[in-house]
C-alpha cells in the first residue's frame, strides 16, 4: 500500500477502506468508542488501537506530527478526509502548480 504523502489521499483512502472492508472492520472507520455498547468497549478499543497502529504505518513520517495526537481510527480517517478534500487544499495545490510554471 502506498503511504499517505499529502498528494495521494484518494488512492490511500481507497486502499485503506478496501482493507478494512476486506477484514470486516469498517466500523472502526466510522464509529468512536463512545458509540460502542459498554459491554463490548474493552475489546473494541483494543482492536481499534491495534488498527490505529497499522494506519499510522500507512502515513509518511513527515505527516505523522499531524496525525499522532489522534487515538482512534475514525478520528484519523475523518481528519485525513477533512484535511485533503477541503477547498483550501485544492486552492493550495493550484497556487503551487502556478508557481512551478
N, C-alpha and C. Protein backbone atom coordinates (compact mmCIF):
# COMPACT_ATOMS: atom_id res chain seq x y z
N UNK A 1 0.84 -1.18 0.00
CA UNK A 1 0.00 0.00 0.00
C UNK A 1 0.89 1.24 0.00
N UNK A 2 0.53 2.17 -0.85
CA UNK A 2 1.24 3.43 -0.92
C UNK A 2 0.91 4.27 0.32
N UNK A 3 1.93 4.88 0.89
CA UNK A 3 1.72 5.68 2.10
C UNK A 3 1.13 7.04 1.75
N UNK A 4 0.28 7.52 2.66
CA UNK A 4 -0.29 8.86 2.50
C UNK A 4 0.84 9.88 2.56
N UNK A 5 0.94 10.70 1.50
CA UNK A 5 2.03 11.68 1.45
C UNK A 5 1.53 13.11 1.29
N UNK A 6 0.22 13.29 1.31
CA UNK A 6 -0.35 14.61 1.16
C UNK A 6 -0.83 14.89 -0.24
N UNK A 7 -0.38 14.10 -1.20
CA UNK A 7 -0.79 14.29 -2.60
C UNK A 7 -1.60 13.13 -3.14
N UNK A 8 -1.72 12.07 -2.37
CA UNK A 8 -2.35 10.85 -2.87
C UNK A 8 -3.51 10.39 -1.98
N UNK A 9 -4.22 11.35 -1.40
CA UNK A 9 -5.28 11.00 -0.46
C UNK A 9 -6.29 10.02 -1.04
N UNK A 10 -6.76 10.24 -2.24
CA UNK A 10 -7.83 9.41 -2.79
C UNK A 10 -7.37 7.97 -3.01
N UNK A 11 -6.16 7.78 -3.49
CA UNK A 11 -5.63 6.42 -3.65
C UNK A 11 -5.42 5.76 -2.29
N UNK A 12 -4.86 6.52 -1.34
CA UNK A 12 -4.64 6.00 0.00
C UNK A 12 -5.95 5.63 0.67
N UNK A 13 -6.92 6.52 0.63
CA UNK A 13 -8.19 6.25 1.32
C UNK A 13 -8.92 5.05 0.71
N UNK A 14 -8.84 4.90 -0.60
CA UNK A 14 -9.47 3.75 -1.24
C UNK A 14 -8.81 2.46 -0.78
N UNK A 15 -7.48 2.45 -0.71
CA UNK A 15 -6.76 1.24 -0.29
C UNK A 15 -7.06 0.91 1.17
N UNK A 16 -7.08 1.93 2.03
CA UNK A 16 -7.38 1.71 3.45
C UNK A 16 -8.80 1.19 3.61
N UNK A 17 -9.74 1.82 2.93
CA UNK A 17 -11.14 1.41 3.05
C UNK A 17 -11.34 -0.03 2.58
N UNK A 18 -10.74 -0.39 1.48
CA UNK A 18 -10.85 -1.76 0.98
C UNK A 18 -10.27 -2.75 1.97
N UNK A 19 -9.13 -2.41 2.57
CA UNK A 19 -8.52 -3.31 3.55
C UNK A 19 -9.45 -3.51 4.75
N UNK A 20 -10.02 -2.42 5.27
CA UNK A 20 -10.93 -2.54 6.41
C UNK A 20 -12.18 -3.34 6.04
N UNK A 21 -12.74 -3.10 4.86
CA UNK A 21 -13.91 -3.85 4.39
C UNK A 21 -13.58 -5.33 4.24
N UNK A 22 -12.43 -5.60 3.65
CA UNK A 22 -11.99 -6.98 3.42
C UNK A 22 -11.89 -7.78 4.71
N UNK A 23 -11.52 -7.10 5.79
CA UNK A 23 -11.34 -7.77 7.08
C UNK A 23 -12.56 -7.61 7.99
N UNK A 24 -13.64 -7.02 7.49
CA UNK A 24 -14.86 -6.87 8.27
C UNK A 24 -14.71 -5.90 9.44
N UNK A 25 -13.85 -4.89 9.28
CA UNK A 25 -13.54 -3.96 10.35
C UNK A 25 -13.91 -2.52 10.01
N UNK A 26 -14.77 -2.33 9.02
CA UNK A 26 -15.10 -0.99 8.56
C UNK A 26 -15.75 -0.13 9.63
N UNK A 27 -16.33 -0.74 10.66
CA UNK A 27 -16.93 0.05 11.73
C UNK A 27 -15.89 0.88 12.48
N UNK A 28 -14.63 0.48 12.41
CA UNK A 28 -13.57 1.25 13.07
C UNK A 28 -13.26 2.55 12.33
N UNK A 29 -13.69 2.66 11.09
CA UNK A 29 -13.51 3.90 10.34
C UNK A 29 -14.64 4.89 10.60
N UNK A 30 -15.77 4.39 11.06
CA UNK A 30 -16.95 5.24 11.18
C UNK A 30 -17.47 5.41 12.61
N UNK A 31 -17.05 4.56 13.53
CA UNK A 31 -17.55 4.62 14.90
C UNK A 31 -16.44 5.04 15.87
N UNK A 32 -16.86 5.69 16.93
CA UNK A 32 -15.94 6.02 18.02
C UNK A 32 -16.25 5.12 19.20
N UNK A 33 -15.36 5.08 20.16
CA UNK A 33 -15.56 4.23 21.33
C UNK A 33 -16.86 4.58 22.05
N UNK A 34 -17.25 5.84 22.02
CA UNK A 34 -18.47 6.25 22.72
C UNK A 34 -19.74 5.70 22.08
N UNK A 35 -19.66 5.25 20.83
CA UNK A 35 -20.84 4.71 20.16
C UNK A 35 -20.97 3.20 20.31
N UNK A 36 -19.99 2.58 20.94
CA UNK A 36 -19.99 1.13 21.12
C UNK A 36 -20.65 0.77 22.44
N UNK A 37 -21.45 -0.30 22.42
CA UNK A 37 -22.11 -0.73 23.66
C UNK A 37 -21.08 -1.01 24.74
N UNK A 38 -21.41 -0.64 25.93
CA UNK A 38 -20.46 -0.70 27.05
C UNK A 38 -19.86 -2.08 27.26
N UNK A 39 -20.64 -3.13 27.09
CA UNK A 39 -20.11 -4.48 27.31
C UNK A 39 -19.14 -4.92 26.21
N UNK A 40 -19.07 -4.19 25.11
CA UNK A 40 -18.14 -4.52 24.02
C UNK A 40 -16.96 -3.55 23.93
N UNK A 41 -16.96 -2.52 24.73
CA UNK A 41 -15.97 -1.44 24.58
C UNK A 41 -14.53 -1.88 24.78
N UNK A 42 -14.23 -2.67 25.77
CA UNK A 42 -12.84 -3.04 26.06
C UNK A 42 -12.21 -3.75 24.88
N UNK A 43 -12.89 -4.75 24.36
CA UNK A 43 -12.35 -5.50 23.21
C UNK A 43 -12.30 -4.62 21.97
N UNK A 44 -13.36 -3.84 21.73
CA UNK A 44 -13.41 -2.97 20.56
C UNK A 44 -12.26 -1.97 20.59
N UNK A 45 -12.01 -1.39 21.77
CA UNK A 45 -10.94 -0.40 21.90
C UNK A 45 -9.57 -1.04 21.68
N UNK A 46 -9.39 -2.25 22.17
CA UNK A 46 -8.12 -2.95 21.97
C UNK A 46 -7.85 -3.17 20.48
N UNK A 47 -8.87 -3.61 19.77
CA UNK A 47 -8.73 -3.82 18.32
C UNK A 47 -8.50 -2.49 17.62
N UNK A 48 -9.22 -1.44 18.03
CA UNK A 48 -9.09 -0.14 17.41
C UNK A 48 -7.67 0.41 17.54
N UNK A 49 -7.08 0.25 18.70
CA UNK A 49 -5.71 0.73 18.92
C UNK A 49 -4.72 -0.04 18.03
N UNK A 50 -4.94 -1.34 17.88
CA UNK A 50 -4.07 -2.12 17.01
C UNK A 50 -4.22 -1.67 15.55
N UNK A 51 -5.45 -1.42 15.15
CA UNK A 51 -5.69 -0.93 13.79
C UNK A 51 -5.13 0.47 13.58
N UNK A 52 -5.24 1.31 14.59
CA UNK A 52 -4.66 2.65 14.50
C UNK A 52 -3.16 2.58 14.28
N UNK A 53 -2.51 1.67 14.98
CA UNK A 53 -1.07 1.48 14.80
C UNK A 53 -0.76 1.09 13.35
N UNK A 54 -1.59 0.24 12.78
CA UNK A 54 -1.42 -0.12 11.36
C UNK A 54 -1.66 1.07 10.46
N UNK A 55 -2.67 1.87 10.77
CA UNK A 55 -2.96 3.05 9.95
C UNK A 55 -1.80 4.05 9.99
N UNK A 56 -1.21 4.22 11.17
CA UNK A 56 -0.06 5.13 11.27
C UNK A 56 1.06 4.68 10.35
N UNK A 57 1.20 3.38 10.14
CA UNK A 57 2.25 2.87 9.26
C UNK A 57 1.97 3.17 7.79
N UNK A 58 0.74 3.58 7.48
CA UNK A 58 0.41 3.93 6.09
C UNK A 58 0.53 5.43 5.82
N UNK A 59 1.12 6.15 6.77
CA UNK A 59 1.30 7.59 6.66
C UNK A 59 2.80 7.90 6.60
N UNK A 60 3.20 8.74 5.67
CA UNK A 60 4.60 9.14 5.57
C UNK A 60 5.06 9.77 6.88
N UNK A 61 6.28 9.49 7.31
CA UNK A 61 6.80 10.04 8.57
C UNK A 61 6.70 11.56 8.67
N UNK A 62 6.82 12.25 7.55
CA UNK A 62 6.76 13.71 7.60
C UNK A 62 5.37 14.22 7.99
N UNK A 63 4.34 13.39 7.80
CA UNK A 63 2.98 13.78 8.15
C UNK A 63 2.56 13.31 9.54
N UNK A 64 3.37 12.48 10.17
CA UNK A 64 2.98 11.91 11.46
C UNK A 64 2.68 12.96 12.53
N UNK A 65 3.39 14.09 12.60
CA UNK A 65 3.03 15.08 13.61
C UNK A 65 1.57 15.55 13.51
N UNK A 66 1.01 15.52 12.33
CA UNK A 66 -0.38 15.92 12.12
C UNK A 66 -1.34 14.89 12.72
N UNK A 67 -0.98 13.62 12.63
CA UNK A 67 -1.89 12.54 12.98
C UNK A 67 -1.61 11.85 14.32
N UNK A 68 -0.45 12.07 14.90
CA UNK A 68 -0.06 11.36 16.12
C UNK A 68 -0.97 11.61 17.31
N UNK A 69 -1.59 12.73 17.38
CA UNK A 69 -2.43 13.04 18.54
C UNK A 69 -3.80 12.38 18.45
N UNK A 70 -4.11 11.75 17.33
CA UNK A 70 -5.40 11.09 17.14
C UNK A 70 -5.30 9.66 17.66
N UNK A 71 -6.25 9.26 18.50
CA UNK A 71 -6.14 7.98 19.18
C UNK A 71 -7.26 7.00 18.86
N UNK A 72 -7.98 7.23 17.78
CA UNK A 72 -8.97 6.29 17.28
C UNK A 72 -8.88 6.27 15.76
N UNK A 73 -9.13 5.11 15.18
CA UNK A 73 -9.11 5.00 13.72
C UNK A 73 -10.05 5.99 13.07
N UNK A 74 -11.25 6.10 13.61
CA UNK A 74 -12.24 7.00 13.00
C UNK A 74 -11.77 8.45 13.04
N UNK A 75 -11.04 8.83 14.07
CA UNK A 75 -10.53 10.20 14.16
C UNK A 75 -9.50 10.47 13.07
N UNK A 76 -8.60 9.53 12.86
CA UNK A 76 -7.59 9.69 11.80
C UNK A 76 -8.27 9.71 10.44
N UNK A 77 -9.19 8.79 10.23
CA UNK A 77 -9.91 8.68 8.96
C UNK A 77 -10.66 9.98 8.64
N UNK A 78 -11.39 10.49 9.61
CA UNK A 78 -12.18 11.70 9.42
C UNK A 78 -11.28 12.91 9.22
N UNK A 79 -10.23 13.03 10.01
CA UNK A 79 -9.34 14.18 9.91
C UNK A 79 -8.64 14.21 8.56
N UNK A 80 -8.15 13.06 8.10
CA UNK A 80 -7.48 12.99 6.80
C UNK A 80 -8.45 13.40 5.69
N UNK A 81 -9.68 12.92 5.79
CA UNK A 81 -10.69 13.27 4.78
C UNK A 81 -10.94 14.78 4.76
N UNK A 82 -11.12 15.35 5.93
CA UNK A 82 -11.38 16.80 6.01
C UNK A 82 -10.18 17.60 5.53
N UNK A 83 -8.99 17.13 5.87
CA UNK A 83 -7.77 17.85 5.51
C UNK A 83 -7.51 17.82 4.01
N UNK A 84 -7.69 16.67 3.39
CA UNK A 84 -7.28 16.53 1.99
C UNK A 84 -8.41 16.67 0.98
N UNK A 85 -9.62 16.90 1.43
CA UNK A 85 -10.71 17.12 0.46
C UNK A 85 -11.31 18.51 0.60
N UNK A 86 -10.71 19.34 1.41
CA UNK A 86 -11.24 20.70 1.59
C UNK A 86 -10.88 21.58 0.40
N UNK A 87 -11.63 22.65 0.22
CA UNK A 87 -11.36 23.60 -0.86
C UNK A 87 -10.01 24.28 -0.66
N UNK A 88 -9.60 24.51 0.58
CA UNK A 88 -8.32 25.15 0.87
C UNK A 88 -7.18 24.32 0.29
N UNK A 89 -7.26 23.00 0.46
CA UNK A 89 -6.23 22.11 -0.07
C UNK A 89 -6.13 22.26 -1.58
N UNK A 90 -7.29 22.28 -2.25
CA UNK A 90 -7.28 22.41 -3.70
C UNK A 90 -6.73 23.76 -4.14
N UNK A 91 -7.06 24.80 -3.42
CA UNK A 91 -6.54 26.13 -3.74
C UNK A 91 -5.01 26.15 -3.60
N UNK A 92 -4.51 25.56 -2.52
CA UNK A 92 -3.06 25.50 -2.32
C UNK A 92 -2.39 24.71 -3.43
N UNK A 93 -3.01 23.62 -3.87
CA UNK A 93 -2.46 22.82 -4.97
C UNK A 93 -2.39 23.64 -6.25
N UNK A 94 -3.43 24.41 -6.54
CA UNK A 94 -3.46 25.24 -7.74
C UNK A 94 -2.39 26.33 -7.65
N UNK A 95 -2.28 26.97 -6.53
CA UNK A 95 -1.27 28.02 -6.34
C UNK A 95 0.14 27.43 -6.51
N UNK A 96 0.36 26.26 -5.91
CA UNK A 96 1.65 25.60 -6.03
C UNK A 96 1.97 25.27 -7.49
N UNK A 97 0.97 24.80 -8.23
CA UNK A 97 1.16 24.49 -9.65
C UNK A 97 1.49 25.74 -10.44
N UNK A 98 0.83 26.84 -10.11
CA UNK A 98 1.12 28.10 -10.80
C UNK A 98 2.55 28.57 -10.56
N UNK A 99 3.02 28.42 -9.33
CA UNK A 99 4.39 28.83 -9.02
C UNK A 99 5.43 27.94 -9.72
N UNK A 100 5.08 26.70 -9.95
CA UNK A 100 6.01 25.78 -10.62
C UNK A 100 6.09 26.04 -12.12
N UNK A 101 5.09 26.77 -12.67
CA UNK A 101 5.11 27.10 -14.10
C UNK A 101 6.20 28.04 -14.37
